[in-house]
Amino acid sequence: MLKRDGTLSVGVPDSRKYIEAYINKTNFRELSTWYQLTAVDTGSFIDQVNYIAHMGGEHKYMYNQENLVNTIAKCGVRDVPLQNFDKEIDPIERHNGSIYAIAYN
């Protein structure tokens, strides 16, 4: 629940970036810098999409800009703009692969 005149900052993985990497047959980033294999390492670029979709059971849903804003708005908040990475509150290791929004109530 978001109190009246409160704000909520949200950052989630941007599935669009991983899907584009799959379509373009590229790695999202150098594997040695971030990538953990999925349950089965098939050597396919779909492995990185599966990784971000499930991330060891931590992730339950995939977001893009549109459905992140729409999902938050369905909760009844009045304004949900997308935001840029903010080094003061967002983890630097999430900078390249995330989308951010702020909800104002």
PDB file of N, CA and C in Angstrom:
ATOM      1  N   MET A   1       0.851  -1.168   0.000  1.00  0.00           N
ATOM      2  CA  MET A   1       0.000   0.000   0.000  1.00  0.00           C
ATOM      3  C   MET A   1       0.896   1.230   0.000  1.00  0.00           C
ATOM      4  N   LEU A   2       0.542   2.175  -0.818  1.00  0.00           N
ATOM      5  CA  LEU A   2       1.282   3.423  -0.921  1.00  0.00           C
ATOM      6  C   LEU A   2       0.461   4.523  -0.265  1.00  0.00           C
ATOM      7  N   LYS A   3       1.028   5.162   0.758  1.00  0.00           N
ATOM      8  CA  LYS A   3       0.272   6.196   1.473  1.00  0.00           C
ATOM      9  C   LYS A   3       0.041   7.411   0.578  1.00  0.00           C
ATOM     10  N   ARG A   4      -0.948   8.203   0.940  1.00  0.00           N
ATOM     11  CA  ARG A   4      -1.280   9.430   0.198  1.00  0.00           C
ATOM     12  C   ARG A   4      -0.037  10.316   0.112  1.00  0.00           C
ATOM     13  N   ASP A   5       0.212  10.826  -1.083  1.00  0.00           N
ATOM     14  CA  ASP A   5       1.365  11.679  -1.382  1.00  0.00           C
ATOM     15  C   ASP A   5       2.696  10.931  -1.262  1.00  0.00           C
ATOM     16  N   GLY A   6       2.642   9.595  -1.247  1.00  0.00           N
ATOM     17  CA  GLY A   6       3.860   8.800  -1.186  1.00  0.00           C
ATOM     18  C   GLY A   6       4.416   8.523  -2.579  1.00  0.00           C
ATOM     19  N   THR A   7       5.634   8.024  -2.619  1.00  0.00           N
ATOM     20  CA  THR A   7       6.258   7.625  -3.887  1.00  0.00           C
ATOM     21  C   THR A   7       6.847   6.228  -3.738  1.00  0.00           C
ATOM     22  N   LEU A   8       6.879   5.526  -4.846  1.00  0.00           N
ATOM     23  CA  LEU A   8       7.447   4.188  -4.894  1.00  0.00           C
ATOM     24  C   LEU A   8       8.376   4.137  -6.089  1.00  0.00           C
ATOM     25  N   SER A   9       9.623   3.777  -5.861  1.00  0.00           N
ATOM     26  CA  SER A   9      10.592   3.629  -6.935  1.00  0.00           C
ATOM     27  C   SER A   9      10.729   2.144  -7.252  1.00  0.00           C
ATOM     28  N   VAL A  10      10.619   1.796  -8.538  1.00  0.00           N
ATOM     29  CA  VAL A  10      10.648   0.397  -8.958  1.00  0.00           C
ATOM     30  C   VAL A  10      11.695   0.219 -10.054  1.00  0.00           C
ATOM     31  N   GLY A  11      12.494  -0.824  -9.923  1.00  0.00           N
ATOM     32  CA  GLY A  11      13.441  -1.201 -10.962  1.00  0.00           C
ATOM     33  C   GLY A  11      13.325  -2.691 -11.221  1.00  0.00           C
ATOM     34  N   VAL A  12      13.145  -3.058 -12.488  1.00  0.00           N
ATOM     35  CA  VAL A  12      12.994  -4.468 -12.862  1.00  0.00           C
ATOM     36  C   VAL A  12      13.829  -4.751 -14.110  1.00  0.00           C
ATOM     37  N   PRO A  13      14.172  -6.022 -14.345  1.00  0.00           N
ATOM     38  CA  PRO A  13      14.891  -6.350 -15.577  1.00  0.00           C
ATOM     39  C   PRO A  13      14.060  -5.979 -16.806  1.00  0.00           C
ATOM     40  N   ASP A  14      14.717  -5.425 -17.802  1.00  0.00           N
ATOM     41  CA  ASP A  14      14.061  -5.023 -19.046  1.00  0.00           C
ATOM     42  C   ASP A  14      14.125  -6.190 -20.029  1.00  0.00           C
ATOM     43  N   SER A  15      13.040  -6.941 -20.133  1.00  0.00           N
ATOM     44  CA  SER A  15      13.030  -8.138 -20.982  1.00  0.00           C
ATOM     45  C   SER A  15      13.294  -7.815 -22.446  1.00  0.00           C
ATOM     46  N   ARG A  16      12.944  -6.615 -22.877  1.00  0.00           N
ATOM     47  CA  ARG A  16      13.163  -6.223 -24.274  1.00  0.00           C
ATOM     48  C   ARG A  16      14.638  -6.352 -24.657  1.00  0.00           C
ATOM     49  N   LYS A  17      15.528  -5.953 -23.769  1.00  0.00           N
ATOM     50  CA  LYS A  17      16.958  -6.004 -24.066  1.00  0.00           C
ATOM     51  C   LYS A  17      17.446  -7.436 -24.246  1.00  0.00           C
ATOM     52  N   TYR A  18      16.936  -8.344 -23.440  1.00  0.00           N
ATOM     53  CA  TYR A  18      17.341  -9.747 -23.539  1.00  0.00           C
ATOM     54  C   TYR A  18      16.744 -10.396 -24.782  1.00  0.00           C
ATOM     55  N   ILE A  19      15.510 -10.049 -25.090  1.00  0.00           N
ATOM     56  CA  ILE A  19      14.856 -10.607 -26.281  1.00  0.00           C
ATOM     57  C   ILE A  19      15.534 -10.086 -27.548  1.00  0.00           C
ATOM     58  N   GLU A  20      15.893  -8.797 -27.561  1.00  0.00           N
ATOM     59  CA  GLU A  20      16.622  -8.259 -28.715  1.00  0.00           C
ATOM     60  C   GLU A  20      17.968  -8.951 -28.895  1.00  0.00           C
ATOM     61  N   ALA A  21      18.667  -9.217 -27.802  1.00  0.00           N
ATOM     62  CA  ALA A  21      19.941  -9.919 -27.891  1.00  0.00           C
ATOM     63  C   ALA A  21      19.727 -11.318 -28.468  1.00  0.00           C
ATOM     64  N   TYR A  22      18.670 -11.981 -28.058  1.00  0.00           N
ATOM     65  CA  TYR A  22      18.346 -13.305 -28.608  1.00  0.00           C
ATOM     66  C   TYR A  22      18.081 -13.221 -30.106  1.00  0.00           C
ATOM     67  N   ILE A  23      17.244 -12.291 -30.515  1.00  0.00           N
ATOM     68  CA  ILE A  23      16.901 -12.141 -31.934  1.00  0.00           C
ATOM     69  C   ILE A  23      18.141 -11.827 -32.764  1.00  0.00           C
ATOM     70  N   ASN A  24      19.021 -10.980 -32.217  1.00  0.00           N
ATOM     71  CA  ASN A  24      20.231 -10.582 -32.937  1.00  0.00           C
ATOM     72  C   ASN A  24      21.383 -11.564 -32.774  1.00  0.00           C
ATOM     73  N   LYS A  25      21.142 -12.648 -32.026  1.00  0.00           N
ATOM     74  CA  LYS A  25      22.153 -13.672 -31.763  1.00  0.00           C
ATOM     75  C   LYS A  25      23.442 -13.070 -31.184  1.00  0.00           C
ATOM     76  N   THR A  26      23.244 -12.258 -30.142  1.00  0.00           N
ATOM     77  CA  THR A  26      24.358 -11.656 -29.416  1.00  0.00           C
ATOM     78  C   THR A  26      24.166 -11.907 -27.930  1.00  0.00           C
ATOM     79  N   ASN A  27      25.240 -11.793 -27.184  1.00  0.00           N
ATOM     80  CA  ASN A  27      25.127 -11.851 -25.735  1.00  0.00           C
ATOM     81  C   ASN A  27      24.769 -10.467 -25.233  1.00  0.00           C
ATOM     82  N   PHE A  28      23.943 -10.434 -24.217  1.00  0.00           N
ATOM     83  CA  PHE A  28      23.541  -9.161 -23.634  1.00  0.00           C
ATOM     84  C   PHE A  28      24.759  -8.422 -23.092  1.00  0.00           C
ATOM     85  N   ARG A  29      25.620  -9.147 -22.406  1.00  0.00           N
ATOM     86  CA  ARG A  29      26.910  -8.648 -21.917  1.00  0.00           C
ATOM     87  C   ARG A  29      27.885  -9.800 -22.000  1.00  0.00           C
ATOM     88  N   GLU A  30      29.134  -9.516 -21.806  1.00  0.00           N
ATOM     89  CA  GLU A  30      30.156 -10.562 -21.779  1.00  0.00           C
ATOM     90  C   GLU A  30      29.784 -11.588 -20.704  1.00  0.00           C
ATOM     91  N   LEU A  31      29.737 -12.842 -21.105  1.00  0.00           N
ATOM     92  CA  LEU A  31      29.262 -13.893 -20.185  1.00  0.00           C
ATOM     93  C   LEU A  31      30.034 -13.929 -18.876  1.00  0.00           C
ATOM     94  N   SER A  32      31.326 -13.716 -18.913  1.00  0.00           N
ATOM     95  CA  SER A  32      32.125 -13.824 -17.695  1.00  0.00           C
ATOM     96  C   SER A  32      31.813 -12.714 -16.689  1.00  0.00           C
ATOM     97  N   THR A  33      31.122 -11.658 -17.115  1.00  0.00           N
ATOM     98  CA  THR A  33      30.853 -10.543 -16.203  1.00  0.00           C
ATOM     99  C   THR A  33      29.523 -10.640 -15.482  1.00  0.00           C
ATOM    100  N   TRP A  34      28.636 -11.521 -15.937  1.00  0.00           N
ATOM    101  CA  TRP A  34      27.340 -11.540 -15.256  1.00  0.00           C
ATOM    102  C   TRP A  34      26.564 -12.826 -15.391  1.00  0.00           C
ATOM    103  N   TYR A  35      26.741 -13.533 -16.407  1.00  0.00           N
ATOM    104  CA  TYR A  35      25.839 -14.607 -16.795  1.00  0.00           C
ATOM    105  C   TYR A  35      26.020 -15.854 -15.945  1.00  0.00           C
ATOM    106  N   GLN A  36      24.931 -16.360 -15.424  1.00  0.00           N
ATOM    107  CA  GLN A  36      24.916 -17.655 -14.762  1.00  0.00           C
ATOM    108  C   GLN A  36      24.069 -18.563 -15.635  1.00  0.00           C
ATOM    109  N   LEU A  37      24.523 -19.748 -15.833  1.00  0.00           N
ATOM    110  CA  LEU A  37      23.816 -20.654 -16.726  1.00  0.00           C
ATOM    111  C   LEU A  37      22.444 -21.019 -16.176  1.00  0.00           C
ATOM    112  N   THR A  38      21.544 -21.303 -17.102  1.00  0.00           N
ATOM    113  CA  THR A  38      20.230 -21.790 -16.705  1.00  0.00           C
ATOM    114  C   THR A  38      20.374 -23.242 -16.266  1.00  0.00           C
ATOM    115  N   ALA A  39      19.288 -23.872 -15.960  1.00  0.00           N
ATOM    116  CA  ALA A  39      19.333 -25.267 -15.513  1.00  0.00           C
ATOM    117  C   ALA A  39      20.044 -26.161 -16.530  1.00  0.00           C
ATOM    118  N   VAL A  40      19.858 -25.844 -17.801  1.00  0.00           N
ATOM    119  CA  VAL A  40      20.524 -26.600 -18.866  1.00  0.00           C
ATOM    120  C   VAL A  40      21.226 -25.605 -19.770  1.00  0.00           C
ATOM    121  N   ASP A  41      22.548 -25.732 -19.880  1.00  0.00           N
ATOM    122  CA  ASP A  41      23.321 -24.873 -20.780  1.00  0.00           C
ATOM    123  C   ASP A  41      23.282 -25.499 -22.162  1.00  0.00           C
ATOM    124  N   THR A  42      22.461 -24.919 -23.038  1.00  0.00           N
ATOM    125  CA  THR A  42      22.301 -25.496 -24.371  1.00  0.00           C
ATOM    126  C   THR A  42      23.222 -24.865 -25.395  1.00  0.00           C
ATOM    127  N   GLY A  43      23.892 -23.765 -25.016  1.00  0.00           N
ATOM    128  CA  GLY A  43      24.723 -23.056 -25.969  1.00  0.00           C
ATOM    129  C   GLY A  43      23.914 -22.159 -26.905  1.00  0.00           C
ATOM    130  N   SER A  44      22.636 -21.997 -26.635  1.00  0.00           N
ATOM    131  CA  SER A  44      21.748 -21.174 -27.444  1.00  0.00           C
ATOM    132  C   SER A  44      21.569 -19.808 -26.788  1.00  0.00           C
ATOM    133  N   PHE A  45      21.316 -18.800 -27.597  1.00  0.00           N
ATOM    134  CA  PHE A  45      21.071 -17.473 -27.056  1.00  0.00           C
ATOM    135  C   PHE A  45      19.770 -17.404 -26.257  1.00  0.00           C
ATOM    136  N   ILE A  46      18.905 -18.386 -26.414  1.00  0.00           N
ATOM    137  CA  ILE A  46      17.685 -18.413 -25.599  1.00  0.00           C
ATOM    138  C   ILE A  46      18.012 -18.667 -24.122  1.00  0.00           C
ATOM    139  N   ASP A  47      19.193 -19.204 -23.846  1.00  0.00           N
ATOM    140  CA  ASP A  47      19.593 -19.448 -22.454  1.00  0.00           C
ATOM    141  C   ASP A  47      19.589 -18.158 -21.643  1.00  0.00           C
ATOM    142  N   GLN A  48      20.035 -17.039 -22.248  1.00  0.00           N
ATOM    143  CA  GLN A  48      20.048 -15.792 -21.478  1.00  0.00           C
ATOM    144  C   GLN A  48      18.635 -15.248 -21.263  1.00  0.00           C
ATOM    145  N   VAL A  49      17.709 -15.533 -22.164  1.00  0.00           N
ATOM    146  CA  VAL A  49      16.313 -15.145 -21.951  1.00  0.00           C
ATOM    147  C   VAL A  49      15.725 -15.991 -20.817  1.00  0.00           C
ATOM    148  N   ASN A  50      16.001 -17.284 -20.827  1.00  0.00           N
ATOM    149  CA  ASN A  50      15.537 -18.149 -19.738  1.00  0.00           C
ATOM    150  C   ASN A  50      16.141 -17.730 -18.408  1.00  0.00           C
ATOM    151  N   TYR A  51      17.400 -17.331 -18.419  1.00  0.00           N
ATOM    152  CA  TYR A  51      18.049 -16.885 -17.185  1.00  0.00           C
ATOM    153  C   TYR A  51      17.315 -15.690 -16.581  1.00  0.00           C
ATOM    154  N   ILE A  52      17.063 -14.665 -17.396  1.00  0.00           N
ATOM    155  CA  ILE A  52      16.426 -13.468 -16.857  1.00  0.00           C
ATOM    156  C   ILE A  52      14.961 -13.738 -16.504  1.00  0.00           C
ATOM    157  N   ALA A  53      14.326 -14.656 -17.219  1.00  0.00           N
ATOM    158  CA  ALA A  53      12.921 -14.964 -16.931  1.00  0.00           C
ATOM    159  C   ALA A  53      12.769 -15.682 -15.592  1.00  0.00           C
ATOM    160  N   HIS A  54      13.725 -16.512 -15.222  1.00  0.00           N
ATOM    161  CA  HIS A  54      13.585 -17.337 -14.017  1.00  0.00           C
ATOM    162  C   HIS A  54      14.575 -16.970 -12.920  1.00  0.00           C
ATOM    163  N   MET A  55      15.778 -16.647 -13.261  1.00  0.00           N
ATOM    164  CA  MET A  55      16.839 -16.236 -12.346  1.00  0.00           C
ATOM    165  C   MET A  55      16.820 -17.023 -11.038  1.00  0.00           C
ATOM    166  N   GLY A  56      16.940 -18.323 -11.170  1.00  0.00           N
ATOM    167  CA  GLY A  56      16.993 -19.175  -9.985  1.00  0.00           C
ATOM    168  C   GLY A  56      15.732 -19.129  -9.148  1.00  0.00           C
ATOM    169  N   GLY A  57      14.594 -18.857  -9.760  1.00  0.00           N
ATOM    170  CA  GLY A  57      13.337 -18.788  -9.034  1.00  0.00           C
ATOM    171  C   GLY A  57      13.026 -17.417  -8.467  1.00  0.00           C
ATOM    172  N   GLU A  58      13.943 -16.458  -8.591  1.00  0.00           N
ATOM    173  CA  GLU A  58      13.720 -15.114  -8.062  1.00  0.00           C
ATOM    174  C   GLU A  58      12.712 -14.321  -8.883  1.00  0.00           C
ATOM    175  N   HIS A  59      12.681 -14.554 -10.190  1.00  0.00           N
ATOM    176  CA  HIS A  59      11.772 -13.807 -11.060  1.00  0.00           C
ATOM    177  C   HIS A  59      10.529 -14.632 -11.366  1.00  0.00           C
ATOM    178  N   LYS A  60       9.408 -13.963 -11.416  1.00  0.00           N
ATOM    179  CA  LYS A  60       8.130 -14.619 -11.693  1.00  0.00           C
ATOM    180  C   LYS A  60       7.441 -14.052 -12.919  1.00  0.00           C
ATOM    181  N   TYR A  61       7.927 -12.915 -13.423  1.00  0.00           N
ATOM    182  CA  TYR A  61       7.224 -12.197 -14.475  1.00  0.00           C
ATOM    183  C   TYR A  61       8.235 -11.365 -15.247  1.00  0.00           C
ATOM    184  N   MET A  62       8.000 -11.197 -16.543  1.00  0.00           N
ATOM    185  CA  MET A  62       8.893 -10.388 -17.367  1.00  0.00           C
ATOM    186  C   MET A  62       8.217  -9.062 -17.687  1.00  0.00           C
ATOM    187  N   TYR A  63       9.002  -7.980 -17.644  1.00  0.00           N
ATOM    188  CA  TYR A  63       8.478  -6.636 -17.879  1.00  0.00           C
ATOM    189  C   TYR A  63       9.140  -5.975 -19.073  1.00  0.00           C
ATOM    190  N   ASN A  64       8.356  -5.085 -19.714  1.00  0.00           N
ATOM    191  CA  ASN A  64       8.900  -4.105 -20.629  1.00  0.00           C
ATOM    192  C   ASN A  64       8.374  -2.754 -20.134  1.00  0.00           C
ATOM    193  N   GLN A  65       8.718  -1.679 -20.809  1.00  0.00           N
ATOM    194  CA  GLN A  65       8.310  -0.359 -20.328  1.00  0.00           C
ATOM    195  C   GLN A  65       6.797  -0.231 -20.200  1.00  0.00           C
ATOM    196  N   GLU A  66       6.092  -0.693 -21.211  1.00  0.00           N
ATOM    197  CA  GLU A  66       4.638  -0.523 -21.228  1.00  0.00           C
ATOM    198  C   GLU A  66       3.947  -1.290 -20.104  1.00  0.00           C
ATOM    199  N   ASN A  67       4.275  -2.580 -19.951  1.00  0.00           N
ATOM    200  CA  ASN A  67       3.526  -3.320 -18.930  1.00  0.00           C
ATOM    201  C   ASN A  67       3.986  -3.008 -17.517  1.00  0.00           C
ATOM    202  N   LEU A  68       5.202  -2.487 -17.324  1.00  0.00           N
ATOM    203  CA  LEU A  68       5.610  -2.042 -15.992  1.00  0.00           C
ATOM    204  C   LEU A  68       4.740  -0.861 -15.560  1.00  0.00           C
ATOM    205  N   VAL A  69       4.633   0.144 -16.419  1.00  0.00           N
ATOM    206  CA  VAL A  69       3.808   1.315 -16.105  1.00  0.00           C
ATOM    207  C   VAL A  69       2.346   0.911 -15.928  1.00  0.00           C
ATOM    208  N   ASN A  70       1.828   0.080 -16.829  1.00  0.00           N
ATOM    209  CA  ASN A  70       0.421  -0.322 -16.744  1.00  0.00           C
ATOM    210  C   ASN A  70       0.127  -1.159 -15.502  1.00  0.00           C
ATOM    211  N   THR A  71       1.058  -2.017 -15.108  1.00  0.00           N
ATOM    212  CA  THR A  71       0.867  -2.844 -13.913  1.00  0.00           C
ATOM    213  C   THR A  71       0.798  -1.974 -12.667  1.00  0.00           C
ATOM    214  N   ILE A  72       1.704  -1.014 -12.565  1.00  0.00           N
ATOM    215  CA  ILE A  72       1.692  -0.118 -11.401  1.00  0.00           C
ATOM    216  C   ILE A  72       0.423   0.734 -11.399  1.00  0.00           C
ATOM    217  N   ALA A  73       0.027   1.243 -12.561  1.00  0.00           N
ATOM    218  CA  ALA A  73      -1.169   2.086 -12.655  1.00  0.00           C
ATOM    219  C   ALA A  73      -2.429   1.327 -12.243  1.00  0.00           C
ATOM    220  N   LYS A  74      -2.474   0.016 -12.497  1.00  0.00           N
ATOM    221  CA  LYS A  74      -3.644  -0.790 -12.106  1.00  0.00           C
ATOM    222  C   LYS A  74      -3.839  -0.816 -10.593  1.00  0.00           C
ATOM    223  N   CYS A  75      -2.804  -0.456  -9.855  1.00  0.00           N
ATOM    224  CA  CYS A  75      -2.904  -0.440  -8.396  1.00  0.00           C
ATOM    225  C   CYS A  75      -3.534   0.843  -7.878  1.00  0.00           C
ATOM    226  N   GLY A  76      -3.904   1.740  -8.803  1.00  0.00           N
ATOM    227  CA  GLY A  76      -4.631   2.941  -8.404  1.00  0.00           C
ATOM    228  C   GLY A  76      -3.779   4.173  -8.165  1.00  0.00           C
ATOM    229  N   VAL A  77      -2.502   4.134  -8.506  1.00  0.00           N
ATOM    230  CA  VAL A  77      -1.679   5.335  -8.331  1.00  0.00           C
ATOM    231  C   VAL A  77      -1.993   6.334  -9.431  1.00  0.00           C
ATOM    232  N   ARG A  78      -1.745   7.609  -9.175  1.00  0.00           N
ATOM    233  CA  ARG A  78      -2.176   8.651 -10.100  1.00  0.00           C
ATOM    234  C   ARG A  78      -1.189   8.946 -11.208  1.00  0.00           C
ATOM    235  N   ASP A  79       0.093   8.670 -11.004  1.00  0.00           N
ATOM    236  CA  ASP A  79       1.103   9.046 -11.987  1.00  0.00           C
ATOM    237  C   ASP A  79       2.243   8.035 -11.937  1.00  0.00           C
ATOM    238  N   VAL A  80       2.623   7.486 -13.094  1.00  0.00           N
ATOM    239  CA  VAL A  80       3.681   6.477 -13.141  1.00  0.00           C
ATOM    240  C   VAL A  80       4.638   6.775 -14.304  1.00  0.00           C
ATOM    241  N   PRO A  81       5.537   7.745 -14.141  1.00  0.00           N
ATOM    242  CA  PRO A  81       6.491   8.004 -15.220  1.00  0.00           C
ATOM    243  C   PRO A  81       7.674   7.033 -15.173  1.00  0.00           C
ATOM    244  N   LEU A  82       8.216   6.739 -16.353  1.00  0.00           N
ATOM    245  CA  LEU A  82       9.470   5.990 -16.409  1.00  0.00           C
ATOM    246  C   LEU A  82      10.585   6.893 -15.907  1.00  0.00           C
ATOM    247  N   GLN A  83      11.612   6.301 -15.351  1.00  0.00           N
ATOM    248  CA  GLN A  83      12.740   7.051 -14.798  1.00  0.00           C
ATOM    249  C   GLN A  83      14.046   6.545 -15.399  1.00  0.00           C
ATOM    250  N   ASN A  84      15.065   7.362 -15.312  1.00  0.00           N
ATOM    251  CA  ASN A  84      16.416   6.936 -15.675  1.00  0.00           C
ATOM    252  C   ASN A  84      17.081   6.306 -14.466  1.00  0.00           C
ATOM    253  N   PHE A  85      18.136   5.567 -14.704  1.00  0.00           N
ATOM    254  CA  PHE A  85      18.967   5.023 -13.639  1.00  0.00           C
ATOM    255  C   PHE A  85      19.393   6.162 -12.714  1.00  0.00           C
ATOM    256  N   ASP A  86      19.300   5.939 -11.420  1.00  0.00           N
ATOM    257  CA  ASP A  86      19.705   6.928 -10.424  1.00  0.00           C
ATOM    258  C   ASP A  86      20.791   6.309  -9.549  1.00  0.00           C
ATOM    259  N   LYS A  87      22.022   6.769  -9.712  1.00  0.00           N
ATOM    260  CA  LYS A  87      23.146   6.169  -8.990  1.00  0.00           C
ATOM    261  C   LYS A  87      23.023   6.303  -7.477  1.00  0.00           C
ATOM    262  N   GLU A  88      22.155   7.185  -7.013  1.00  0.00           N
ATOM    263  CA  GLU A  88      21.964   7.360  -5.568  1.00  0.00           C
ATOM    264  C   GLU A  88      21.127   6.244  -4.948  1.00  0.00           C
ATOM    265  N   ILE A  89      20.238   5.626  -5.738  1.00  0.00           N
ATOM    266  CA  ILE A  89      19.356   4.611  -5.153  1.00  0.00           C
ATOM    267  C   ILE A  89      19.355   3.280  -5.898  1.00  0.00           C
ATOM    268  N   ASP A  90      19.841   3.250  -7.139  1.00  0.00           N
ATOM    269  CA  ASP A  90      19.786   2.027  -7.943  1.00  0.00           C
ATOM    270  C   ASP A  90      21.143   1.328  -7.961  1.00  0.00           C
ATOM    271  N   PRO A  91      21.179   0.005  -7.824  1.00  0.00           N
ATOM    272  CA  PRO A  91      22.453  -0.724  -7.845  1.00  0.00           C
ATOM    273  C   PRO A  91      23.132  -0.610  -9.215  1.00  0.00           C
ATOM    274  N   ILE A  92      24.406  -0.254  -9.223  1.00  0.00           N
ATOM    275  CA  ILE A  92      25.141  -0.054 -10.469  1.00  0.00           C
ATOM    276  C   ILE A  92      25.159  -1.313 -11.330  1.00  0.00           C
ATOM    277  N   GLU A  93      25.194  -2.481 -10.723  1.00  0.00           N
ATOM    278  CA  GLU A  93      25.236  -3.729 -11.498  1.00  0.00           C
ATOM    279  C   GLU A  93      23.938  -3.991 -12.260  1.00  0.00           C
ATOM    280  N   ARG A  94      22.887  -3.265 -11.947  1.00  0.00           N
ATOM    281  CA  ARG A  94      21.599  -3.423 -12.636  1.00  0.00           C
ATOM    282  C   ARG A  94      21.371  -2.363 -13.721  1.00  0.00           C
ATOM    283  N   HIS A  95      22.308  -1.427 -13.849  1.00  0.00           N
ATOM    284  CA  HIS A  95      22.124  -0.265 -14.723  1.00  0.00           C
ATOM    285  C   HIS A  95      21.766  -0.637 -16.164  1.00  0.00           C
ATOM    286  N   ASN A  96      22.514  -1.474 -16.813  1.00  0.00           N
ATOM    287  CA  ASN A  96      22.300  -1.781 -18.230  1.00  0.00           C
ATOM    288  C   ASN A  96      21.067  -2.609 -18.527  1.00  0.00           C
ATOM    289  N   GLY A  97      20.618  -3.417 -17.607  1.00  0.00           N
ATOM    290  CA  GLY A  97      19.552  -4.354 -17.924  1.00  0.00           C
ATOM    291  C   GLY A  97      18.209  -4.079 -17.288  1.00  0.00           C
ATOM    292  N   SER A  98      18.014  -2.876 -16.768  1.00  0.00           N
ATOM    293  CA  SER A  98      16.787  -2.610 -16.021  1.00  0.00           C
ATOM    294  C   SER A  98      16.005  -1.435 -16.589  1.00  0.00           C
ATOM    295  N   ILE A  99      14.729  -1.424 -16.238  1.00  0.00           N
ATOM    296  CA  ILE A  99      13.884  -0.258 -16.483  1.00  0.00           C
ATOM    297  C   ILE A  99      13.373   0.220 -15.128  1.00  0.00           C
ATOM    298  N   TYR A 100      13.125   1.504 -15.039  1.00  0.00           N
ATOM    299  CA  TYR A 100      12.768   2.116 -13.764  1.00  0.00           C
ATOM    300  C   TYR A 100      11.510   2.963 -13.920  1.00  0.00           C
ATOM    301  N   ALA A 101      10.703   2.973 -12.882  1.00  0.00           N
ATOM    302  CA  ALA A 101       9.521   3.833 -12.842  1.00  0.00           C
ATOM    303  C   ALA A 101       9.337   4.321 -11.414  1.00  0.00           C
ATOM    304  N   ILE A 102       8.646   5.438 -11.299  1.00  0.00           N
ATOM    305  CA  ILE A 102       8.296   5.981  -9.991  1.00  0.00           C
ATOM    306  C   ILE A 102       6.782   6.128  -9.961  1.00  0.00           C
ATOM    307  N   ALA A 103       6.189   5.654  -8.900  1.00  0.00           N
ATOM    308  CA  ALA A 103       4.735   5.782  -8.736  1.00  0.00           C
ATOM    309  C   ALA A 103       4.470   6.873  -7.717  1.00  0.00           C
ATOM    310  N   TYR A 104       3.593   7.795  -8.076  1.00  0.00           N
ATOM    311  CA  TYR A 104       3.166   8.863  -7.177  1.00  0.00           C
ATOM    312  C   TYR A 104       1.699   8.645  -6.825  1.00  0.00           C
ATOM    313  N   ASN A 105       1.402   8.711  -5.539  1.00  0.00           N
ATOM    314  CA  ASN A 105       0.024   8.532  -5.101  1.00  0.00           C
ATOM    315  C   ASN A 105      -0.515   9.804  -4.495  1.00  0.00           C
TER     316      ASN A 105
END
